[in-house]
């Protein structure tokens, strides 16, 4: 596939670059509605936690996924049932401090190669998303194409070094407030 246009809108970087690192296979209907790298007054970006918000469902597929995948996940750090329709699962990435720092700084091309491959493996190889993500992770292969699309000299892009906008910490923050988090916290 070829990139014919620039990806112009902000997208949740945590959903594209971090969620695939959980190793949860694609194809299930149970996916987080949103993902974040912080939760106001609970987790900061420095805590290296991926916050995944799910709409709680009552069907068997969701219940099985929650009990057999989410609640048994090796990275699960905390689980909060916000209300009857929303659950938040917090996954720990503190063992990935260097990659996490590159993520928060918007230096996606600086992830180690194992992480890059895991991210790319999550996406359908022939999809438009795959090509964009590949360009974000391996910009050196794409500077010329982006320079054409932007009508700028490729030297300028090479100086910047990245082809994806930086992670917006404010947009990657879950801001819902829960009255008494300590009373509804599920995991200790």
N, C-alpha and C. Protein backbone atom coordinates (compact mmCIF):
# COMPACT_ATOMS: atom_id res chain seq x y z
N UNK A 1 0.84 -1.18 0.00
CA UNK A 1 0.00 0.00 0.00
C UNK A 1 0.88 1.25 0.00
N UNK A 2 0.31 2.30 -0.49
CA UNK A 2 1.02 3.57 -0.60
C UNK A 2 0.26 4.62 0.20
N UNK A 3 1.01 5.54 0.76
CA UNK A 3 0.39 6.66 1.47
C UNK A 3 0.11 7.75 0.45
N UNK A 4 -1.17 8.06 0.25
CA UNK A 4 -1.57 9.08 -0.72
C UNK A 4 -2.02 10.37 -0.07
N UNK A 5 -2.22 10.34 1.23
CA UNK A 5 -2.65 11.53 1.96
C UNK A 5 -2.08 11.46 3.37
N UNK A 6 -1.97 12.59 4.00
CA UNK A 6 -1.47 12.63 5.37
C UNK A 6 -2.60 12.32 6.34
N UNK A 7 -2.23 11.70 7.44
CA UNK A 7 -3.19 11.44 8.49
C UNK A 7 -3.25 12.70 9.32
N UNK A 8 -4.34 13.46 9.21
CA UNK A 8 -4.40 14.79 9.77
C UNK A 8 -5.00 14.94 11.15
N UNK A 9 -5.87 14.04 11.55
CA UNK A 9 -6.55 14.19 12.84
C UNK A 9 -5.73 13.54 13.95
N UNK A 10 -5.92 14.06 15.17
CA UNK A 10 -5.27 13.42 16.30
C UNK A 10 -5.96 12.09 16.57
N UNK A 11 -5.18 11.07 16.85
CA UNK A 11 -5.71 9.77 17.25
C UNK A 11 -5.05 9.37 18.55
N UNK A 12 -5.74 8.54 19.31
CA UNK A 12 -5.18 8.11 20.58
C UNK A 12 -3.94 7.27 20.34
N UNK A 13 -2.82 7.83 20.66
CA UNK A 13 -1.54 7.14 20.46
C UNK A 13 -1.47 5.89 21.32
N UNK A 14 -2.06 5.95 22.52
CA UNK A 14 -2.02 4.79 23.41
C UNK A 14 -2.75 3.59 22.81
N UNK A 15 -3.79 3.84 22.04
CA UNK A 15 -4.55 2.75 21.44
C UNK A 15 -3.79 2.11 20.28
N UNK A 16 -3.01 2.91 19.57
CA UNK A 16 -2.27 2.43 18.41
C UNK A 16 -0.92 1.84 18.81
N UNK A 17 -0.21 2.47 19.73
CA UNK A 17 1.15 2.06 20.04
C UNK A 17 1.29 1.22 21.32
N UNK A 18 0.37 1.35 22.28
CA UNK A 18 0.51 0.62 23.53
C UNK A 18 -0.43 -0.57 23.65
N UNK A 19 -1.69 -0.39 23.30
CA UNK A 19 -2.65 -1.49 23.42
C UNK A 19 -2.16 -2.76 22.71
N UNK A 20 -1.59 -2.67 21.50
CA UNK A 20 -1.09 -3.90 20.85
C UNK A 20 -0.03 -4.64 21.66
N UNK A 21 0.66 -3.94 22.54
CA UNK A 21 1.71 -4.57 23.35
C UNK A 21 1.14 -5.49 24.43
N UNK A 22 -0.16 -5.43 24.65
CA UNK A 22 -0.79 -6.34 25.61
C UNK A 22 -0.87 -7.76 25.05
N UNK A 23 -0.71 -7.90 23.75
CA UNK A 23 -0.76 -9.23 23.14
C UNK A 23 -2.17 -9.79 23.02
N UNK A 24 -3.16 -8.95 23.15
CA UNK A 24 -4.55 -9.39 23.00
C UNK A 24 -4.84 -9.45 21.51
N UNK A 25 -5.29 -10.60 21.07
CA UNK A 25 -5.51 -10.81 19.63
C UNK A 25 -6.65 -9.96 19.11
N UNK A 26 -6.49 -9.55 17.85
CA UNK A 26 -7.56 -8.83 17.15
C UNK A 26 -8.67 -9.81 16.83
N UNK A 27 -9.83 -9.29 16.55
CA UNK A 27 -10.93 -10.14 16.11
C UNK A 27 -12.04 -10.31 17.12
N UNK A 28 -11.79 -9.98 18.36
CA UNK A 28 -12.84 -10.05 19.36
C UNK A 28 -13.66 -8.76 19.29
N UNK A 29 -14.90 -8.84 19.68
CA UNK A 29 -15.73 -7.63 19.72
C UNK A 29 -15.49 -6.85 21.01
N UNK A 30 -14.68 -7.41 21.89
CA UNK A 30 -14.39 -6.74 23.15
C UNK A 30 -13.08 -5.97 23.00
N UNK A 31 -13.24 -4.69 22.77
CA UNK A 31 -12.09 -3.80 22.65
C UNK A 31 -12.36 -2.59 23.54
N UNK A 32 -11.31 -1.95 24.01
CA UNK A 32 -11.56 -0.77 24.85
C UNK A 32 -12.19 0.35 24.03
N UNK A 33 -13.12 1.06 24.66
CA UNK A 33 -13.70 2.23 24.01
C UNK A 33 -12.64 3.30 23.86
N UNK A 34 -11.85 3.45 24.89
CA UNK A 34 -10.78 4.45 24.90
C UNK A 34 -9.60 3.88 25.68
N UNK A 35 -8.42 4.42 25.37
CA UNK A 35 -7.23 4.08 26.14
C UNK A 35 -6.53 5.38 26.51
N UNK A 36 -5.82 5.35 27.62
CA UNK A 36 -5.18 6.55 28.14
C UNK A 36 -3.86 6.17 28.81
N UNK A 37 -3.03 7.19 29.06
CA UNK A 37 -1.78 6.96 29.79
C UNK A 37 -1.79 7.62 31.16
N UNK A 38 -2.93 8.19 31.50
CA UNK A 38 -3.07 8.76 32.85
C UNK A 38 -4.55 8.81 33.20
N UNK A 39 -4.80 8.98 34.48
CA UNK A 39 -6.16 9.11 34.98
C UNK A 39 -6.10 10.18 36.05
N UNK A 40 -6.81 11.28 35.84
CA UNK A 40 -6.75 12.42 36.76
C UNK A 40 -6.82 12.00 38.22
N UNK A 41 -5.88 12.49 38.99
CA UNK A 41 -5.80 12.26 40.44
C UNK A 41 -5.57 10.79 40.82
N UNK A 42 -5.24 9.93 39.85
CA UNK A 42 -5.01 8.53 40.17
C UNK A 42 -3.67 8.04 39.61
N UNK A 43 -3.47 8.21 38.32
CA UNK A 43 -2.22 7.79 37.66
C UNK A 43 -1.72 8.92 36.78
N UNK A 44 -0.42 9.15 36.82
CA UNK A 44 0.19 10.15 35.95
C UNK A 44 0.93 9.42 34.82
N UNK A 45 1.29 10.12 33.75
CA UNK A 45 2.03 9.46 32.68
C UNK A 45 3.34 8.82 33.15
N UNK A 46 3.94 9.38 34.17
CA UNK A 46 5.19 8.84 34.70
C UNK A 46 5.01 7.48 35.38
N UNK A 47 3.79 7.13 35.73
CA UNK A 47 3.52 5.84 36.38
C UNK A 47 3.60 4.66 35.41
N UNK A 48 3.66 4.95 34.11
CA UNK A 48 3.74 3.91 33.07
C UNK A 48 2.59 2.91 33.16
N UNK A 49 1.39 3.45 33.18
CA UNK A 49 0.18 2.61 33.23
C UNK A 49 -0.68 2.90 32.00
N UNK A 50 -1.14 1.84 31.37
CA UNK A 50 -2.08 1.96 30.27
C UNK A 50 -3.47 1.78 30.85
N UNK A 51 -4.31 2.79 30.71
CA UNK A 51 -5.65 2.81 31.28
C UNK A 51 -6.63 2.52 30.15
N UNK A 52 -7.32 1.40 30.25
CA UNK A 52 -8.27 0.98 29.20
C UNK A 52 -9.69 1.01 29.75
N UNK A 53 -10.53 1.80 29.10
CA UNK A 53 -11.93 1.93 29.53
C UNK A 53 -12.81 1.08 28.61
N UNK A 54 -13.58 0.19 29.21
CA UNK A 54 -14.48 -0.70 28.48
C UNK A 54 -15.92 -0.42 28.87
N UNK A 55 -16.81 -0.54 27.90
CA UNK A 55 -18.24 -0.55 28.21
C UNK A 55 -18.54 -1.96 28.68
N UNK A 56 -19.00 -2.07 29.88
CA UNK A 56 -19.33 -3.37 30.46
C UNK A 56 -20.58 -3.91 29.77
N UNK A 57 -20.49 -5.14 29.33
CA UNK A 57 -21.64 -5.78 28.68
C UNK A 57 -22.06 -6.99 29.50
N UNK A 58 -23.26 -7.45 29.25
CA UNK A 58 -23.80 -8.59 30.00
C UNK A 58 -23.77 -9.89 29.20
N UNK A 59 -23.33 -9.84 27.95
CA UNK A 59 -23.31 -11.05 27.12
C UNK A 59 -22.15 -11.97 27.51
N UNK A 60 -22.25 -13.23 27.12
CA UNK A 60 -21.25 -14.24 27.48
C UNK A 60 -19.87 -13.92 26.91
N UNK A 61 -19.82 -13.41 25.69
CA UNK A 61 -18.51 -13.11 25.10
C UNK A 61 -17.75 -12.11 25.97
N UNK A 62 -18.44 -11.04 26.39
CA UNK A 62 -17.77 -10.05 27.22
C UNK A 62 -17.37 -10.66 28.57
N UNK A 63 -18.30 -11.35 29.21
CA UNK A 63 -18.00 -11.93 30.53
C UNK A 63 -16.80 -12.88 30.46
N UNK A 64 -16.77 -13.73 29.44
CA UNK A 64 -15.64 -14.65 29.28
C UNK A 64 -14.34 -13.91 29.02
N UNK A 65 -14.39 -12.89 28.17
CA UNK A 65 -13.20 -12.10 27.86
C UNK A 65 -12.69 -11.39 29.11
N UNK A 66 -13.60 -10.80 29.85
CA UNK A 66 -13.21 -10.11 31.08
C UNK A 66 -12.57 -11.06 32.07
N UNK A 67 -13.20 -12.21 32.32
CA UNK A 67 -12.68 -13.12 33.34
C UNK A 67 -11.46 -13.91 32.87
N UNK A 68 -11.38 -14.27 31.59
CA UNK A 68 -10.29 -15.12 31.13
C UNK A 68 -9.13 -14.38 30.48
N UNK A 69 -9.36 -13.16 30.03
CA UNK A 69 -8.28 -12.42 29.38
C UNK A 69 -7.88 -11.20 30.22
N UNK A 70 -8.81 -10.31 30.45
CA UNK A 70 -8.46 -9.06 31.14
C UNK A 70 -8.05 -9.29 32.59
N UNK A 71 -8.88 -9.98 33.34
CA UNK A 71 -8.58 -10.15 34.77
C UNK A 71 -7.42 -11.11 35.04
N UNK A 72 -7.03 -11.89 34.05
CA UNK A 72 -5.90 -12.82 34.21
C UNK A 72 -4.64 -12.33 33.49
N UNK A 73 -4.69 -11.14 32.92
CA UNK A 73 -3.57 -10.63 32.14
C UNK A 73 -2.35 -10.39 33.04
N UNK A 74 -1.19 -10.76 32.56
CA UNK A 74 0.03 -10.63 33.36
C UNK A 74 0.40 -9.17 33.66
N UNK A 75 -0.05 -8.24 32.86
CA UNK A 75 0.24 -6.82 33.10
C UNK A 75 -0.84 -6.11 33.91
N UNK A 76 -1.93 -6.79 34.23
CA UNK A 76 -3.01 -6.14 34.96
C UNK A 76 -2.51 -5.64 36.31
N UNK A 77 -2.75 -4.36 36.55
CA UNK A 77 -2.31 -3.72 37.78
C UNK A 77 -3.49 -3.38 38.68
N UNK A 78 -4.57 -2.96 38.06
CA UNK A 78 -5.73 -2.55 38.84
C UNK A 78 -6.97 -2.66 37.96
N UNK A 79 -8.11 -2.76 38.60
CA UNK A 79 -9.40 -2.84 37.91
C UNK A 79 -10.39 -2.05 38.74
N UNK A 80 -11.11 -1.16 38.07
CA UNK A 80 -12.09 -0.34 38.77
C UNK A 80 -13.40 -0.42 38.00
N UNK A 81 -14.44 -0.82 38.71
CA UNK A 81 -15.78 -0.79 38.12
C UNK A 81 -16.34 0.59 38.44
N UNK A 82 -16.36 1.44 37.44
CA UNK A 82 -16.76 2.83 37.63
C UNK A 82 -18.26 2.91 37.91
N UNK A 83 -19.03 2.16 37.13
CA UNK A 83 -20.47 2.09 37.34
C UNK A 83 -20.97 0.83 36.62
N UNK A 84 -22.25 0.68 36.45
CA UNK A 84 -22.81 -0.54 35.84
C UNK A 84 -22.43 -0.71 34.37
N UNK A 85 -22.06 0.38 33.72
CA UNK A 85 -21.77 0.28 32.28
C UNK A 85 -20.32 0.55 31.91
N UNK A 86 -19.49 0.88 32.88
CA UNK A 86 -18.10 1.22 32.57
C UNK A 86 -17.14 0.56 33.55
N UNK A 87 -16.14 -0.10 32.99
CA UNK A 87 -15.06 -0.69 33.78
C UNK A 87 -13.73 -0.18 33.23
N UNK A 88 -12.77 0.01 34.12
CA UNK A 88 -11.46 0.48 33.73
C UNK A 88 -10.42 -0.53 34.20
N UNK A 89 -9.59 -0.97 33.25
CA UNK A 89 -8.51 -1.91 33.53
C UNK A 89 -7.21 -1.16 33.34
N UNK A 90 -6.32 -1.26 34.33
CA UNK A 90 -5.06 -0.54 34.30
C UNK A 90 -3.95 -1.58 34.18
N UNK A 91 -3.12 -1.41 33.14
CA UNK A 91 -2.03 -2.35 32.85
C UNK A 91 -0.69 -1.67 33.11
N UNK A 92 0.21 -2.42 33.71
CA UNK A 92 1.51 -1.90 34.14
C UNK A 92 2.58 -2.08 33.06
N UNK A 93 3.20 -0.98 32.67
CA UNK A 93 4.30 -1.01 31.70
C UNK A 93 5.59 -0.49 32.33
N UNK A 94 5.70 -0.58 33.65
CA UNK A 94 6.89 -0.04 34.31
C UNK A 94 8.17 -0.78 33.93
N UNK A 95 8.04 -1.99 33.39
CA UNK A 95 9.23 -2.72 32.92
C UNK A 95 9.70 -2.21 31.55
N UNK A 96 8.95 -1.30 30.97
CA UNK A 96 9.27 -0.74 29.65
C UNK A 96 9.56 0.75 29.75
N UNK A 97 10.29 1.17 30.78
CA UNK A 97 10.50 2.60 31.05
C UNK A 97 11.07 3.35 29.84
N UNK A 98 12.08 2.77 29.17
CA UNK A 98 12.70 3.48 28.04
C UNK A 98 11.70 3.66 26.90
N UNK A 99 11.00 2.57 26.53
CA UNK A 99 10.01 2.67 25.46
C UNK A 99 8.86 3.57 25.87
N UNK A 100 8.46 3.51 27.14
CA UNK A 100 7.39 4.37 27.63
C UNK A 100 7.79 5.84 27.50
N UNK A 101 9.02 6.16 27.86
CA UNK A 101 9.49 7.53 27.74
C UNK A 101 9.49 7.98 26.28
N UNK A 102 9.94 7.11 25.39
CA UNK A 102 9.91 7.44 23.96
C UNK A 102 8.47 7.70 23.51
N UNK A 103 7.55 6.91 24.03
CA UNK A 103 6.13 7.10 23.69
C UNK A 103 5.64 8.47 24.15
N UNK A 104 5.88 8.82 25.41
CA UNK A 104 5.38 10.10 25.93
C UNK A 104 6.04 11.29 25.25
N UNK A 105 7.25 11.12 24.76
CA UNK A 105 7.95 12.19 24.07
C UNK A 105 7.61 12.24 22.58
N UNK A 106 6.85 11.26 22.10
CA UNK A 106 6.50 11.23 20.68
C UNK A 106 7.62 10.76 19.79
N UNK A 107 8.54 10.01 20.34
CA UNK A 107 9.67 9.47 19.57
C UNK A 107 9.41 8.00 19.25
N UNK A 108 8.38 7.77 18.45
CA UNK A 108 7.93 6.41 18.16
C UNK A 108 8.97 5.61 17.38
N UNK A 109 9.78 6.29 16.60
CA UNK A 109 10.83 5.60 15.83
C UNK A 109 11.96 5.11 16.73
N UNK A 110 11.98 5.56 17.96
CA UNK A 110 13.05 5.17 18.90
C UNK A 110 12.68 3.94 19.73
N UNK A 111 11.45 3.41 19.56
CA UNK A 111 11.09 2.16 20.25
C UNK A 111 12.09 1.09 19.84
N UNK A 112 12.33 0.14 20.73
CA UNK A 112 13.21 -0.95 20.30
C UNK A 112 12.49 -1.80 19.26
N UNK A 113 13.26 -2.50 18.44
CA UNK A 113 12.70 -3.22 17.30
C UNK A 113 11.70 -4.30 17.70
N UNK A 114 11.90 -4.94 18.82
CA UNK A 114 10.96 -5.97 19.27
C UNK A 114 9.58 -5.34 19.50
N UNK A 115 9.56 -4.18 20.11
CA UNK A 115 8.31 -3.47 20.37
C UNK A 115 7.67 -3.03 19.05
N UNK A 116 8.46 -2.48 18.14
CA UNK A 116 7.94 -2.07 16.83
C UNK A 116 7.27 -3.25 16.12
N UNK A 117 7.95 -4.39 16.13
CA UNK A 117 7.40 -5.57 15.44
C UNK A 117 6.11 -6.04 16.09
N UNK A 118 6.04 -5.99 17.41
CA UNK A 118 4.82 -6.40 18.10
C UNK A 118 3.65 -5.48 17.74
N UNK A 119 3.92 -4.20 17.64
CA UNK A 119 2.88 -3.24 17.25
C UNK A 119 2.41 -3.54 15.83
N UNK A 120 3.35 -3.68 14.92
CA UNK A 120 2.98 -3.94 13.52
C UNK A 120 2.25 -5.27 13.35
N UNK A 121 2.65 -6.28 14.12
CA UNK A 121 2.00 -7.58 14.03
C UNK A 121 0.53 -7.54 14.44
N UNK A 122 0.17 -6.55 15.22
CA UNK A 122 -1.21 -6.42 15.68
C UNK A 122 -2.15 -6.03 14.54
N UNK A 123 -1.63 -5.29 13.58
CA UNK A 123 -2.47 -4.75 12.52
C UNK A 123 -2.42 -5.60 11.25
N UNK A 124 -3.53 -5.61 10.56
CA UNK A 124 -3.64 -6.32 9.27
C UNK A 124 -2.62 -5.74 8.31
N UNK A 125 -1.76 -6.60 7.78
CA UNK A 125 -0.64 -6.14 6.96
C UNK A 125 -1.07 -5.35 5.72
N UNK A 126 -2.20 -5.64 5.13
CA UNK A 126 -2.64 -4.95 3.92
C UNK A 126 -3.59 -3.79 4.20
N UNK A 127 -3.69 -3.38 5.44
CA UNK A 127 -4.62 -2.30 5.79
C UNK A 127 -3.94 -0.93 5.67
N UNK A 128 -4.76 0.08 5.52
CA UNK A 128 -4.24 1.44 5.50
C UNK A 128 -3.58 1.82 6.82
N UNK A 129 -4.14 1.34 7.91
CA UNK A 129 -3.54 1.62 9.23
C UNK A 129 -2.11 1.11 9.31
N UNK A 130 -1.89 -0.09 8.80
CA UNK A 130 -0.56 -0.70 8.86
C UNK A 130 0.49 0.20 8.20
N UNK A 131 0.16 0.73 7.04
CA UNK A 131 1.12 1.55 6.30
C UNK A 131 1.45 2.82 7.09
N UNK A 132 0.43 3.46 7.62
CA UNK A 132 0.69 4.67 8.41
C UNK A 132 1.53 4.33 9.64
N UNK A 133 1.17 3.29 10.34
CA UNK A 133 1.91 2.93 11.55
C UNK A 133 3.35 2.57 11.20
N UNK A 134 3.53 1.87 10.11
CA UNK A 134 4.89 1.55 9.65
C UNK A 134 5.67 2.84 9.42
N UNK A 135 5.03 3.83 8.80
CA UNK A 135 5.73 5.09 8.54
C UNK A 135 6.07 5.82 9.84
N UNK A 136 5.24 5.68 10.86
CA UNK A 136 5.52 6.32 12.15
C UNK A 136 6.66 5.63 12.88
N UNK A 137 6.73 4.31 12.75
CA UNK A 137 7.77 3.54 13.45
C UNK A 137 9.10 3.54 12.71
N UNK A 138 9.04 3.62 11.39
CA UNK A 138 10.24 3.59 10.55
C UNK A 138 10.25 4.79 9.60
N UNK A 139 10.33 6.00 10.12
CA UNK A 139 10.21 7.19 9.27
C UNK A 139 11.30 7.32 8.21
N UNK A 140 12.48 6.78 8.47
CA UNK A 140 13.56 6.90 7.48
C UNK A 140 13.16 6.35 6.12
N UNK A 141 12.29 5.38 6.11
CA UNK A 141 11.83 4.78 4.85
C UNK A 141 10.75 5.62 4.18
N UNK A 142 10.24 6.63 4.88
CA UNK A 142 9.08 7.37 4.40
C UNK A 142 9.29 8.88 4.26
N UNK A 143 10.46 9.39 4.62
CA UNK A 143 10.68 10.84 4.56
C UNK A 143 10.42 11.42 3.17
N UNK A 144 10.89 10.75 2.14
CA UNK A 144 10.71 11.27 0.78
C UNK A 144 9.23 11.38 0.42
N UNK A 145 8.45 10.34 0.75
CA UNK A 145 7.03 10.34 0.41
C UNK A 145 6.29 11.45 1.15
N UNK A 146 6.58 11.60 2.45
CA UNK A 146 5.93 12.65 3.23
C UNK A 146 6.35 14.03 2.73
N UNK A 147 7.61 14.18 2.33
CA UNK A 147 8.09 15.45 1.81
C UNK A 147 7.30 15.83 0.55
N UNK A 148 7.04 14.84 -0.32
CA UNK A 148 6.22 15.09 -1.52
C UNK A 148 4.82 15.56 -1.13
N UNK A 149 4.21 14.85 -0.19
CA UNK A 149 2.85 15.19 0.22
C UNK A 149 2.76 16.57 0.87
N UNK A 150 3.79 16.93 1.61
CA UNK A 150 3.81 18.22 2.31
C UNK A 150 4.41 19.34 1.46
N UNK A 151 5.00 18.95 0.34
CA UNK A 151 5.67 19.91 -0.53
C UNK A 151 6.76 20.66 0.22
N UNK A 152 7.60 19.90 0.92
CA UNK A 152 8.74 20.46 1.64
C UNK A 152 9.97 19.63 1.29
N UNK A 153 11.12 20.16 1.66
CA UNK A 153 12.37 19.44 1.45
C UNK A 153 12.46 18.31 2.48
N UNK A 154 12.85 17.14 2.04
CA UNK A 154 12.93 15.99 2.96
C UNK A 154 13.94 16.23 4.08
N UNK A 155 14.90 17.14 3.86
CA UNK A 155 15.88 17.45 4.92
C UNK A 155 15.18 17.99 6.17
N UNK A 156 14.13 18.77 5.95
CA UNK A 156 13.37 19.32 7.07
C UNK A 156 12.75 18.20 7.89
N UNK A 157 12.14 17.23 7.22
CA UNK A 157 11.53 16.11 7.93
C UNK A 157 12.58 15.27 8.64
N UNK A 158 13.71 15.09 8.01
CA UNK A 158 14.79 14.31 8.64
C UNK A 158 15.30 14.99 9.90
N UNK A 159 15.31 16.32 9.90
CA UNK A 159 15.71 17.06 11.11
C UNK A 159 14.74 16.82 12.24
N UNK A 160 13.44 16.83 11.93
CA UNK A 160 12.42 16.56 12.94
C UNK A 160 12.55 15.12 13.42
N UNK A 161 12.71 14.20 12.48
CA UNK A 161 12.96 12.80 12.80
C UNK A 161 11.74 11.93 12.98
N UNK A 162 10.57 12.51 13.15
CA UNK A 162 9.34 11.75 13.36
C UNK A 162 8.29 12.21 12.35
N UNK A 163 7.41 11.29 11.96
CA UNK A 163 6.35 11.62 11.01
C UNK A 163 4.97 11.60 11.65
N UNK A 164 4.93 11.40 12.94
CA UNK A 164 3.67 11.34 13.67
C UNK A 164 3.68 12.43 14.73
N UNK A 165 2.54 13.07 14.93
CA UNK A 165 2.49 14.09 15.96
C UNK A 165 2.77 13.48 17.33
N UNK A 166 3.30 14.29 18.18
CA UNK A 166 3.65 13.87 19.54
C UNK A 166 2.40 13.47 20.33
N UNK A 167 2.58 12.61 21.29
CA UNK A 167 1.50 12.22 22.19
C UNK A 167 0.99 13.45 22.93
N UNK A 168 -0.30 13.69 22.87
CA UNK A 168 -0.92 14.81 23.58
C UNK A 168 -1.35 14.30 24.95
N UNK A 169 -0.58 14.66 25.96
CA UNK A 169 -0.81 14.16 27.32
C UNK A 169 -2.22 14.49 27.80
N UNK A 170 -2.73 15.66 27.46
CA UNK A 170 -4.08 16.04 27.89
C UNK A 170 -5.15 15.15 27.25
N UNK A 171 -4.99 14.83 25.98
CA UNK A 171 -5.96 13.99 25.29
C UNK A 171 -5.82 12.53 25.67
N UNK A 172 -4.71 12.17 26.27
CA UNK A 172 -4.46 10.79 26.70
C UNK A 172 -4.69 10.63 28.20
N UNK A 173 -5.50 11.53 28.76
CA UNK A 173 -5.82 11.51 30.19
C UNK A 173 -7.30 11.21 30.38
N UNK A 174 -7.60 10.18 31.15
CA UNK A 174 -8.98 9.87 31.51
C UNK A 174 -9.38 10.84 32.61
N UNK A 175 -10.40 11.62 32.37
CA UNK A 175 -10.75 12.67 33.33
C UNK A 175 -12.02 12.37 34.11
N UNK A 176 -12.64 11.20 33.90
CA UNK A 176 -13.84 10.93 34.69
C UNK A 176 -13.48 10.82 36.16
N UNK A 177 -14.32 11.38 36.95
CA UNK A 177 -14.11 11.34 38.39
C UNK A 177 -15.05 10.31 39.00
N UNK A 178 -14.52 9.58 39.93
CA UNK A 178 -15.33 8.60 40.63
C UNK A 178 -15.37 9.03 42.08
N UNK A 179 -16.57 9.11 42.62
CA UNK A 179 -16.77 9.69 43.95
C UNK A 179 -15.81 9.13 45.00
N UNK A 180 -15.79 7.86 45.18
CA UNK A 180 -14.94 7.26 46.20
C UNK A 180 -14.22 6.06 45.61
N UNK A 181 -13.16 6.33 44.89
CA UNK A 181 -12.44 5.26 44.20
C UNK A 181 -12.01 4.13 45.12
N UNK A 182 -11.58 4.47 46.30
CA UNK A 182 -11.09 3.43 47.20
C UNK A 182 -12.18 2.42 47.57
N UNK A 183 -13.42 2.84 47.58
CA UNK A 183 -14.51 1.93 47.95
C UNK A 183 -14.96 1.03 46.80
N UNK A 184 -14.61 1.40 45.56
CA UNK A 184 -15.05 0.57 44.44
C UNK A 184 -13.88 -0.13 43.76
N UNK A 185 -12.72 0.04 44.27
CA UNK A 185 -11.54 -0.60 43.70
C UNK A 185 -11.68 -2.12 43.87
N UNK A 186 -11.39 -2.85 42.81
CA UNK A 186 -11.58 -4.29 42.84
C UNK A 186 -10.29 -5.01 43.23
N UNK A 187 -9.17 -4.62 42.67
CA UNK A 187 -7.89 -5.27 42.97
C UNK A 187 -7.12 -4.47 43.98
N UNK A 188 -6.38 -5.12 44.81
CA UNK A 188 -5.52 -4.41 45.78
C UNK A 188 -4.08 -4.50 45.35
